[in-house]
Amino acid sequence: MAKDDLKIPHVSWRNGRPRFNPSRTLREAGYVGEDLRHKDGRWMSAGEALDWSRKLSSKLELDKRKQRLSAGEPRKRSFRRYPSQPSSRRFPSASCSTSF
């Protein structure tokens, strides 16, 4: 699989080199496109670009949550509610008798 075939959010590939291309909404929020390089000038590998993308996505999600909370929207529950009674298919009732 060539690097050009990789699908990483917010990252496009130019001749095998990763580049951050923000969407219109991210550009409106102040983000600008940039080459994904290390401080010493080396290009990021595909794995490093994926890690960078995940970190950016986490930051964007956190910013979105903060914005919702400051606007007064109720918090979403992060846990799943289970029924108070177990399903009869998973847990047979005690009234079932077995003969040996």
PDB file of N, CA and C in Angstrom:
ATOM      1  N   MET A   1       0.850  -1.181   0.000  1.00  0.00           N
ATOM      2  CA  MET A   1       0.000   0.000   0.000  1.00  0.00           C
ATOM      3  C   MET A   1       0.893   1.242   0.000  1.00  0.00           C
ATOM      4  N   ALA A   2       0.713   2.091  -0.956  1.00  0.00           N
ATOM      5  CA  ALA A   2       1.493   3.314  -1.050  1.00  0.00           C
ATOM      6  C   ALA A   2       0.980   4.344  -0.061  1.00  0.00           C
ATOM      7  N   LYS A   3       1.850   5.269   0.309  1.00  0.00           N
ATOM      8  CA  LYS A   3       1.444   6.309   1.255  1.00  0.00           C
ATOM      9  C   LYS A   3       0.328   7.176   0.687  1.00  0.00           C
ATOM     10  N   ASP A   4       0.272   7.280  -0.651  1.00  0.00           N
ATOM     11  CA  ASP A   4      -0.779   8.080  -1.275  1.00  0.00           C
ATOM     12  C   ASP A   4      -2.156   7.461  -1.072  1.00  0.00           C
ATOM     13  N   ASP A   5      -2.216   6.166  -0.773  1.00  0.00           N
ATOM     14  CA  ASP A   5      -3.484   5.478  -0.590  1.00  0.00           C
ATOM     15  C   ASP A   5      -4.010   5.591   0.838  1.00  0.00           C
ATOM     16  N   LEU A   6      -3.191   6.073   1.757  1.00  0.00           N
ATOM     17  CA  LEU A   6      -3.611   6.154   3.154  1.00  0.00           C
ATOM     18  C   LEU A   6      -4.690   7.208   3.327  1.00  0.00           C
ATOM     19  N   LYS A   7      -5.662   6.903   4.178  1.00  0.00           N
ATOM     20  CA  LYS A   7      -6.735   7.843   4.486  1.00  0.00           C
ATOM     21  C   LYS A   7      -6.585   8.250   5.946  1.00  0.00           C
ATOM     22  N   ILE A   8      -5.973   9.387   6.173  1.00  0.00           N
ATOM     23  CA  ILE A   8      -5.784   9.919   7.520  1.00  0.00           C
ATOM     24  C   ILE A   8      -6.528  11.239   7.592  1.00  0.00           C
ATOM     25  N   PRO A   9      -7.427  11.397   8.582  1.00  0.00           N
ATOM     26  CA  PRO A   9      -8.183  12.644   8.682  1.00  0.00           C
ATOM     27  C   PRO A   9      -7.271  13.867   8.789  1.00  0.00           C
ATOM     28  N   HIS A  10      -7.596  14.899   8.064  1.00  0.00           N
ATOM     29  CA  HIS A  10      -6.905  16.187   8.069  1.00  0.00           C
ATOM     30  C   HIS A  10      -5.522  16.130   7.429  1.00  0.00           C
ATOM     31  N   VAL A  11      -5.140  15.003   6.845  1.00  0.00           N
ATOM     32  CA  VAL A  11      -3.811  14.874   6.244  1.00  0.00           C
ATOM     33  C   VAL A  11      -3.957  14.462   4.785  1.00  0.00           C
ATOM     34  N   SER A  12      -3.239  15.156   3.924  1.00  0.00           N
ATOM     35  CA  SER A  12      -3.160  14.747   2.527  1.00  0.00           C
ATOM     36  C   SER A  12      -1.694  14.450   2.226  1.00  0.00           C
ATOM     37  N   TRP A  13      -1.467  13.726   1.150  1.00  0.00           N
ATOM     38  CA  TRP A  13      -0.107  13.309   0.801  1.00  0.00           C
ATOM     39  C   TRP A  13       0.307  13.974  -0.505  1.00  0.00           C
ATOM     40  N   ARG A  14       1.482  14.580  -0.497  1.00  0.00           N
ATOM     41  CA  ARG A  14       2.065  15.185  -1.693  1.00  0.00           C
ATOM     42  C   ARG A  14       3.387  14.489  -1.968  1.00  0.00           C
ATOM     43  N   ASN A  15       3.403  13.701  -3.009  1.00  0.00           N
ATOM     44  CA  ASN A  15       4.613  12.960  -3.371  1.00  0.00           C
ATOM     45  C   ASN A  15       5.160  12.158  -2.196  1.00  0.00           C
ATOM     46  N   GLY A  16       4.279  11.543  -1.425  1.00  0.00           N
ATOM     47  CA  GLY A  16       4.697  10.727  -0.295  1.00  0.00           C
ATOM     48  C   GLY A  16       5.014  11.507   0.962  1.00  0.00           C
ATOM     49  N   ARG A  17       4.698  12.787   0.971  1.00  0.00           N
ATOM     50  CA  ARG A  17       4.980  13.630   2.143  1.00  0.00           C
ATOM     51  C   ARG A  17       3.665  14.150   2.713  1.00  0.00           C
ATOM     52  N   PRO A  18       3.506  14.072   4.037  1.00  0.00           N
ATOM     53  CA  PRO A  18       2.227  14.474   4.641  1.00  0.00           C
ATOM     54  C   PRO A  18       2.082  15.989   4.771  1.00  0.00           C
ATOM     55  N   ARG A  19       0.851  16.454   4.587  1.00  0.00           N
ATOM     56  CA  ARG A  19       0.536  17.869   4.749  1.00  0.00           C
ATOM     57  C   ARG A  19      -0.824  17.999   5.416  1.00  0.00           C
ATOM     58  N   PHE A  20      -0.905  18.927   6.371  1.00  0.00           N
ATOM     59  CA  PHE A  20      -2.169  19.234   7.035  1.00  0.00           C
ATOM     60  C   PHE A  20      -2.945  20.200   6.162  1.00  0.00           C
ATOM     61  N   ASN A  21      -4.150  19.797   5.782  1.00  0.00           N
ATOM     62  CA  ASN A  21      -5.048  20.643   5.002  1.00  0.00           C
ATOM     63  C   ASN A  21      -6.329  20.827   5.794  1.00  0.00           C
ATOM     64  N   PRO A  22      -6.490  21.973   6.452  1.00  0.00           N
ATOM     65  CA  PRO A  22      -7.699  22.185   7.250  1.00  0.00           C
ATOM     66  C   PRO A  22      -8.929  22.382   6.365  1.00  0.00           C
ATOM     67  N   SER A  23     -10.063  21.953   6.894  1.00  0.00           N
ATOM     68  CA  SER A  23     -11.331  22.179   6.199  1.00  0.00           C
ATOM     69  C   SER A  23     -11.702  23.659   6.293  1.00  0.00           C
ATOM     70  N   ARG A  24     -12.767  24.025   5.625  1.00  0.00           N
ATOM     71  CA  ARG A  24     -13.194  25.425   5.651  1.00  0.00           C
ATOM     72  C   ARG A  24     -13.520  25.879   7.076  1.00  0.00           C
ATOM     73  N   THR A  25     -14.204  25.019   7.828  1.00  0.00           N
ATOM     74  CA  THR A  25     -14.566  25.402   9.197  1.00  0.00           C
ATOM     75  C   THR A  25     -13.327  25.541  10.079  1.00  0.00           C
ATOM     76  N   LEU A  26     -12.324  24.694   9.853  1.00  0.00           N
ATOM     77  CA  LEU A  26     -11.088  24.822  10.638  1.00  0.00           C
ATOM     78  C   LEU A  26     -10.316  26.075  10.225  1.00  0.00           C
ATOM     79  N   ARG A  27     -10.327  26.406   8.934  1.00  0.00           N
ATOM     80  CA  ARG A  27      -9.671  27.646   8.497  1.00  0.00           C
ATOM     81  C   ARG A  27     -10.357  28.859   9.115  1.00  0.00           C
ATOM     82  N   GLU A  28     -11.689  28.809   9.214  1.00  0.00           N
ATOM     83  CA  GLU A  28     -12.420  29.908   9.844  1.00  0.00           C
ATOM     84  C   GLU A  28     -12.098  30.004  11.325  1.00  0.00           C
ATOM     85  N   ALA A  29     -11.732  28.870  11.927  1.00  0.00           N
ATOM     86  CA  ALA A  29     -11.357  28.859  13.347  1.00  0.00           C
ATOM     87  C   ALA A  29      -9.903  29.278  13.561  1.00  0.00           C
ATOM     88  N   GLY A  30      -9.167  29.524  12.458  1.00  0.00           N
ATOM     89  CA  GLY A  30      -7.807  30.036  12.587  1.00  0.00           C
ATOM     90  C   GLY A  30      -6.697  29.050  12.256  1.00  0.00           C
ATOM     91  N   TYR A  31      -7.034  27.852  11.847  1.00  0.00           N
ATOM     92  CA  TYR A  31      -6.010  26.878  11.481  1.00  0.00           C
ATOM     93  C   TYR A  31      -5.524  27.146  10.061  1.00  0.00           C
ATOM     94  N   VAL A  32      -4.232  26.937   9.839  1.00  0.00           N
ATOM     95  CA  VAL A  32      -3.646  27.107   8.508  1.00  0.00           C
ATOM     96  C   VAL A  32      -2.949  25.810   8.109  1.00  0.00           C
ATOM     97  N   GLY A  33      -2.881  25.562   6.805  1.00  0.00           N
ATOM     98  CA  GLY A  33      -2.220  24.369   6.308  1.00  0.00           C
ATOM     99  C   GLY A  33      -0.726  24.419   6.570  1.00  0.00           C
ATOM    100  N   GLU A  34      -0.142  23.243   6.737  1.00  0.00           N
ATOM    101  CA  GLU A  34       1.301  23.183   6.975  1.00  0.00           C
ATOM    102  C   GLU A  34       1.828  21.803   6.608  1.00  0.00           C
ATOM    103  N   ASP A  35       3.119  21.762   6.258  1.00  0.00           N
ATOM    104  CA  ASP A  35       3.781  20.490   6.033  1.00  0.00           C
ATOM    105  C   ASP A  35       4.014  19.834   7.386  1.00  0.00           C
ATOM    106  N   LEU A  36       3.836  18.517   7.437  1.00  0.00           N
ATOM    107  CA  LEU A  36       4.042  17.799   8.699  1.00  0.00           C
ATOM    108  C   LEU A  36       5.492  17.337   8.766  1.00  0.00           C
ATOM    109  N   ARG A  37       6.291  18.165   9.418  1.00  0.00           N
ATOM    110  CA  ARG A  37       7.720  17.907   9.578  1.00  0.00           C
ATOM    111  C   ARG A  37       8.089  17.971  11.057  1.00  0.00           C
ATOM    112  N   HIS A  38       9.206  17.344  11.367  1.00  0.00           N
ATOM    113  CA  HIS A  38       9.778  17.469  12.701  1.00  0.00           C
ATOM    114  C   HIS A  38      10.536  18.794  12.785  1.00  0.00           C
ATOM    115  N   LYS A  39      10.900  19.184  13.993  1.00  0.00           N
ATOM    116  CA  LYS A  39      11.615  20.453  14.170  1.00  0.00           C
ATOM    117  C   LYS A  39      12.972  20.451  13.473  1.00  0.00           C
ATOM    118  N   ASP A  40      13.563  19.261  13.323  1.00  0.00           N
ATOM    119  CA  ASP A  40      14.865  19.191  12.656  1.00  0.00           C
ATOM    120  C   ASP A  40      14.743  19.115  11.126  1.00  0.00           C
ATOM    121  N   GLY A  41      13.513  19.176  10.589  1.00  0.00           N
ATOM    122  CA  GLY A  41      13.298  19.215   9.160  1.00  0.00           C
ATOM    123  C   GLY A  41      12.908  17.893   8.517  1.00  0.00           C
ATOM    124  N   ARG A  42      12.992  16.801   9.264  1.00  0.00           N
ATOM    125  CA  ARG A  42      12.603  15.499   8.714  1.00  0.00           C
ATOM    126  C   ARG A  42      11.095  15.455   8.532  1.00  0.00           C
ATOM    127  N   TRP A  43      10.634  14.748   7.488  1.00  0.00           N
ATOM    128  CA  TRP A  43       9.208  14.560   7.267  1.00  0.00           C
ATOM    129  C   TRP A  43       8.683  13.503   8.235  1.00  0.00           C
ATOM    130  N   MET A  44       7.443  13.648   8.644  1.00  0.00           N
ATOM    131  CA  MET A  44       6.816  12.633   9.496  1.00  0.00           C
ATOM    132  C   MET A  44       6.521  11.393   8.671  1.00  0.00           C
ATOM    133  N   SER A  45       6.626  10.249   9.316  1.00  0.00           N
ATOM    134  CA  SER A  45       6.255   8.997   8.668  1.00  0.00           C
ATOM    135  C   SER A  45       4.732   8.878   8.684  1.00  0.00           C
ATOM    136  N   ALA A  46       4.205   7.843   8.047  1.00  0.00           N
ATOM    137  CA  ALA A  46       2.757   7.642   8.019  1.00  0.00           C
ATOM    138  C   ALA A  46       2.228   7.427   9.439  1.00  0.00           C
ATOM    139  N   GLY A  47       2.924   6.661  10.253  1.00  0.00           N
ATOM    140  CA  GLY A  47       2.501   6.424  11.634  1.00  0.00           C
ATOM    141  C   GLY A  47       2.518   7.687  12.468  1.00  0.00           C
ATOM    142  N   GLU A  48       3.556   8.499  12.278  1.00  0.00           N
ATOM    143  CA  GLU A  48       3.642   9.764  13.016  1.00  0.00           C
ATOM    144  C   GLU A  48       2.546  10.733  12.568  1.00  0.00           C
ATOM    145  N   ALA A  49       2.238  10.734  11.268  1.00  0.00           N
ATOM    146  CA  ALA A  49       1.153  11.586  10.766  1.00  0.00           C
ATOM    147  C   ALA A  49      -0.187  11.131  11.335  1.00  0.00           C
ATOM    148  N   LEU A  50      -0.370   9.818  11.471  1.00  0.00           N
ATOM    149  CA  LEU A  50      -1.600   9.294  12.062  1.00  0.00           C
ATOM    150  C   LEU A  50      -1.706   9.709  13.535  1.00  0.00           C
ATOM    151  N   ASP A  51      -0.615   9.599  14.279  1.00  0.00           N
ATOM    152  CA  ASP A  51      -0.607  10.047  15.677  1.00  0.00           C
ATOM    153  C   ASP A  51      -0.913  11.537  15.770  1.00  0.00           C
ATOM    154  N   TRP A  52      -0.314  12.332  14.886  1.00  0.00           N
ATOM    155  CA  TRP A  52      -0.552  13.769  14.870  1.00  0.00           C
ATOM    156  C   TRP A  52      -2.029  14.054  14.607  1.00  0.00           C
ATOM    157  N   SER A  53      -2.618  13.327  13.652  1.00  0.00           N
ATOM    158  CA  SER A  53      -4.020  13.518  13.298  1.00  0.00           C
ATOM    159  C   SER A  53      -4.938  13.163  14.468  1.00  0.00           C
ATOM    160  N   ARG A  54      -4.640  12.067  15.144  1.00  0.00           N
ATOM    161  CA  ARG A  54      -5.456  11.675  16.304  1.00  0.00           C
ATOM    162  C   ARG A  54      -5.370  12.705  17.412  1.00  0.00           C
ATOM    163  N   LYS A  55      -4.176  13.250  17.627  1.00  0.00           N
ATOM    164  CA  LYS A  55      -4.010  14.282  18.662  1.00  0.00           C
ATOM    165  C   LYS A  55      -4.811  15.536  18.301  1.00  0.00           C
ATOM    166  N   LEU A  56      -4.762  15.922  17.027  1.00  0.00           N
ATOM    167  CA  LEU A  56      -5.533  17.087  16.573  1.00  0.00           C
ATOM    168  C   LEU A  56      -7.027  16.832  16.729  1.00  0.00           C
ATOM    169  N   SER A  57      -7.489  15.636  16.353  1.00  0.00           N
ATOM    170  CA  SER A  57      -8.915  15.307  16.478  1.00  0.00           C
ATOM    171  C   SER A  57      -9.365  15.349  17.929  1.00  0.00           C
ATOM    172  N   SER A  58      -8.521  14.870  18.848  1.00  0.00           N
ATOM    173  CA  SER A  58      -8.850  14.930  20.277  1.00  0.00           C
ATOM    174  C   SER A  58      -8.946  16.372  20.745  1.00  0.00           C
ATOM    175  N   LYS A  59      -8.020  17.213  20.292  1.00  0.00           N
ATOM    176  CA  LYS A  59      -8.038  18.623  20.664  1.00  0.00           C
ATOM    177  C   LYS A  59      -9.294  19.302  20.130  1.00  0.00           C
ATOM    178  N   LEU A  60      -9.662  19.004  18.884  1.00  0.00           N
ATOM    179  CA  LEU A  60     -10.868  19.597  18.301  1.00  0.00           C
ATOM    180  C   LEU A  60     -12.119  19.165  19.057  1.00  0.00           C
ATOM    181  N   GLU A  61     -12.187  17.883  19.453  1.00  0.00           N
ATOM    182  CA  GLU A  61     -13.335  17.390  20.216  1.00  0.00           C
ATOM    183  C   GLU A  61     -13.409  18.059  21.586  1.00  0.00           C
ATOM    184  N   LEU A  62     -12.257  18.218  22.232  1.00  0.00           N
ATOM    185  CA  LEU A  62     -12.220  18.879  23.533  1.00  0.00           C
ATOM    186  C   LEU A  62     -12.666  20.335  23.414  1.00  0.00           C
ATOM    187  N   ASP A  63     -12.193  21.025  22.371  1.00  0.00           N
ATOM    188  CA  ASP A  63     -12.610  22.411  22.149  1.00  0.00           C
ATOM    189  C   ASP A  63     -14.111  22.509  21.909  1.00  0.00           C
ATOM    190  N   LYS A  64     -14.665  21.529  21.173  1.00  0.00           N
ATOM    191  CA  LYS A  64     -16.101  21.518  20.894  1.00  0.00           C
ATOM    192  C   LYS A  64     -16.891  21.317  22.189  1.00  0.00           C
ATOM    193  N   ARG A  65     -16.413  20.411  23.051  1.00  0.00           N
ATOM    194  CA  ARG A  65     -17.093  20.181  24.342  1.00  0.00           C
ATOM    195  C   ARG A  65     -17.061  21.424  25.209  1.00  0.00           C
ATOM    196  N   LYS A  66     -15.897  22.073  25.270  1.00  0.00           N
ATOM    197  CA  LYS A  66     -15.774  23.293  26.071  1.00  0.00           C
ATOM    198  C   LYS A  66     -16.723  24.372  25.563  1.00  0.00           C
ATOM    199  N   GLN A  67     -16.838  24.472  24.248  1.00  0.00           N
ATOM    200  CA  GLN A  67     -17.719  25.472  23.658  1.00  0.00           C
ATOM    201  C   GLN A  67     -19.175  25.182  24.009  1.00  0.00           C
ATOM    202  N   ARG A  68     -19.566  23.898  23.957  1.00  0.00           N
ATOM    203  CA  ARG A  68     -20.941  23.532  24.317  1.00  0.00           C
ATOM    204  C   ARG A  68     -21.228  23.829  25.785  1.00  0.00           C
ATOM    205  N   LEU A  69     -20.276  23.498  26.669  1.00  0.00           N
ATOM    206  CA  LEU A  69     -20.485  23.735  28.093  1.00  0.00           C
ATOM    207  C   LEU A  69     -20.574  25.224  28.401  1.00  0.00           C
ATOM    208  N   SER A  70     -19.752  26.027  27.731  1.00  0.00           N
ATOM    209  CA  SER A  70     -19.812  27.467  27.984  1.00  0.00           C
ATOM    210  C   SER A  70     -21.104  28.065  27.441  1.00  0.00           C
ATOM    211  N   ALA A  71     -21.711  27.404  26.450  1.00  0.00           N
ATOM    212  CA  ALA A  71     -22.982  27.887  25.896  1.00  0.00           C
ATOM    213  C   ALA A  71     -24.169  27.435  26.749  1.00  0.00           C
ATOM    214  N   GLY A  72     -23.922  26.578  27.735  1.00  0.00           N
ATOM    215  CA  GLY A  72     -24.979  26.139  28.627  1.00  0.00           C
ATOM    216  C   GLY A  72     -25.715  24.896  28.183  1.00  0.00           C
ATOM    217  N   GLU A  73     -25.206  24.182  27.182  1.00  0.00           N
ATOM    218  CA  GLU A  73     -25.858  22.952  26.747  1.00  0.00           C
ATOM    219  C   GLU A  73     -25.611  21.852  27.777  1.00  0.00           C
ATOM    220  N   PRO A  74     -26.592  20.980  27.958  1.00  0.00           N
ATOM    221  CA  PRO A  74     -26.403  19.892  28.932  1.00  0.00           C
ATOM    222  C   PRO A  74     -25.318  18.921  28.468  1.00  0.00           C
ATOM    223  N   ARG A  75     -24.655  18.309  29.430  1.00  0.00           N
ATOM    224  CA  ARG A  75     -23.605  17.342  29.129  1.00  0.00           C
ATOM    225  C   ARG A  75     -24.218  16.047  28.633  1.00  0.00           C
ATOM    226  N   LYS A  76     -23.547  15.412  27.716  1.00  0.00           N
ATOM    227  CA  LYS A  76     -23.981  14.101  27.240  1.00  0.00           C
ATOM    228  C   LYS A  76     -23.453  13.047  28.195  1.00  0.00           C
ATOM    229  N   ARG A  77     -24.267  12.034  28.430  1.00  0.00           N
ATOM    230  CA  ARG A  77     -23.812  10.943  29.291  1.00  0.00           C
ATOM    231  C   ARG A  77     -22.806  10.097  28.531  1.00  0.00           C
ATOM    232  N   SER A  78     -21.740   9.728  29.218  1.00  0.00           N
ATOM    233  CA  SER A  78     -20.695   8.958  28.562  1.00  0.00           C
ATOM    234  C   SER A  78     -20.781   7.476  28.883  1.00  0.00           C
ATOM    235  N   PHE A  79     -21.833   7.066  29.589  1.00  0.00           N
ATOM    236  CA  PHE A  79     -21.974   5.647  29.904  1.00  0.00           C
ATOM    237  C   PHE A  79     -23.283   5.138  29.324  1.00  0.00           C
ATOM    238  N   ARG A  80     -23.346   3.842  29.137  1.00  0.00           N
ATOM    239  CA  ARG A  80     -24.534   3.230  28.554  1.00  0.00           C
ATOM    240  C   ARG A  80     -25.443   2.745  29.664  1.00  0.00           C
ATOM    241  N   ARG A  81     -26.691   3.030  29.537  1.00  0.00           N
ATOM    242  CA  ARG A  81     -27.657   2.563  30.532  1.00  0.00           C
ATOM    243  C   ARG A  81     -28.102   1.158  30.180  1.00  0.00           C
ATOM    244  N   TYR A  82     -28.079   0.288  31.139  1.00  0.00           N
ATOM    245  CA  TYR A  82     -28.516  -1.082  30.946  1.00  0.00           C
ATOM    246  C   TYR A  82     -29.871  -1.282  31.605  1.00  0.00           C
ATOM    247  N   PRO A  83     -30.670  -2.211  31.099  1.00  0.00           N
ATOM    248  CA  PRO A  83     -31.967  -2.463  31.727  1.00  0.00           C
ATOM    249  C   PRO A  83     -31.771  -2.990  33.140  1.00  0.00           C
ATOM    250  N   SER A  84     -32.717  -2.680  33.999  1.00  0.00           N
ATOM    251  CA  SER A  84     -32.587  -3.094  35.395  1.00  0.00           C
ATOM    252  C   SER A  84     -32.774  -4.596  35.561  1.00  0.00           C
ATOM    253  N   GLN A  85     -33.540  -5.219  34.687  1.00  0.00           N
ATOM    254  CA  GLN A  85     -33.754  -6.667  34.749  1.00  0.00           C
ATOM    255  C   GLN A  85     -32.969  -7.337  33.627  1.00  0.00           C
ATOM    256  N   PRO A  86     -32.270  -8.422  33.938  1.00  0.00           N
ATOM    257  CA  PRO A  86     -31.516  -9.105  32.886  1.00  0.00           C
ATOM    258  C   PRO A  86     -32.451  -9.750  31.874  1.00  0.00           C
ATOM    259  N   SER A  87     -31.972  -9.902  30.694  1.00  0.00           N
ATOM    260  CA  SER A  87     -32.743 -10.525  29.625  1.00  0.00           C
ATOM    261  C   SER A  87     -32.936 -12.003  29.922  1.00  0.00           C
ATOM    262  N   SER A  88     -34.132 -12.511  29.671  1.00  0.00           N
ATOM    263  CA  SER A  88     -34.418 -13.912  29.971  1.00  0.00           C
ATOM    264  C   SER A  88     -33.651 -14.844  29.040  1.00  0.00           C
ATOM    265  N   ARG A  89     -33.278 -14.360  27.864  1.00  0.00           N
ATOM    266  CA  ARG A  89     -32.531 -15.216  26.944  1.00  0.00           C
ATOM    267  C   ARG A  89     -31.117 -15.463  27.447  1.00  0.00           C
ATOM    268  N   ARG A  90     -30.528 -14.485  28.083  1.00  0.00           N
ATOM    269  CA  ARG A  90     -29.166 -14.648  28.574  1.00  0.00           C
ATOM    270  C   ARG A  90     -29.123 -15.378  29.909  1.00  0.00           C
ATOM    271  N   PHE A  91     -30.089 -15.077  30.752  1.00  0.00           N
ATOM    272  CA  PHE A  91     -30.103 -15.645  32.084  1.00  0.00           C
ATOM    273  C   PHE A  91     -31.408 -16.414  32.277  1.00  0.00           C
ATOM    274  N   PRO A  92     -31.396 -17.726  32.176  1.00  0.00           N
ATOM    275  CA  PRO A  92     -32.640 -18.477  32.364  1.00  0.00           C
ATOM    276  C   PRO A  92     -33.170 -18.282  33.782  1.00  0.00           C
ATOM    277  N   SER A  93     -34.467 -18.268  33.870  1.00  0.00           N
ATOM    278  CA  SER A  93     -35.082 -18.036  35.185  1.00  0.00           C
ATOM    279  C   SER A  93     -34.839 -19.215  36.109  1.00  0.00           C
ATOM    280  N   ALA A  94     -34.962 -18.970  37.402  1.00  0.00           N
ATOM    281  CA  ALA A  94     -34.713 -20.008  38.404  1.00  0.00           C
ATOM    282  C   ALA A  94     -35.836 -21.044  38.399  1.00  0.00           C
ATOM    283  N   SER A  95     -36.971 -20.717  37.790  1.00  0.00           N
ATOM    284  CA  SER A  95     -38.089 -21.657  37.779  1.00  0.00           C
ATOM    285  C   SER A  95     -37.889 -22.787  36.788  1.00  0.00           C
ATOM    286  N   CYS A  96     -36.906 -22.677  35.934  1.00  0.00           N
ATOM    287  CA  CYS A  96     -36.633 -23.779  35.002  1.00  0.00           C
ATOM    288  C   CYS A  96     -36.038 -24.945  35.779  1.00  0.00           C
ATOM    289  N   SER A  97     -36.643 -26.074  35.632  1.00  0.00           N
ATOM    290  CA  SER A  97     -36.102 -27.239  36.338  1.00  0.00           C
ATOM    291  C   SER A  97     -35.425 -28.162  35.347  1.00  0.00           C
ATOM    292  N   THR A  98     -34.392 -28.736  35.801  1.00  0.00           N
ATOM    293  CA  THR A  98     -33.684 -29.705  34.975  1.00  0.00           C
ATOM    294  C   THR A  98     -33.762 -31.041  35.684  1.00  0.00           C
ATOM    295  N   SER A  99     -34.023 -32.089  34.939  1.00  0.00           N
ATOM    296  CA  SER A  99     -34.071 -33.412  35.536  1.00  0.00           C
ATOM    297  C   SER A  99     -32.811 -34.173  35.169  1.00  0.00           C
ATOM    298  N   PHE A 100     -32.284 -34.853  36.117  1.00  0.00           N
ATOM    299  CA  PHE A 100     -31.063 -35.606  35.894  1.00  0.00           C
ATOM    300  C   PHE A 100     -31.344 -37.079  35.908  1.00  0.00           C
TER     301      PHE A 100
END
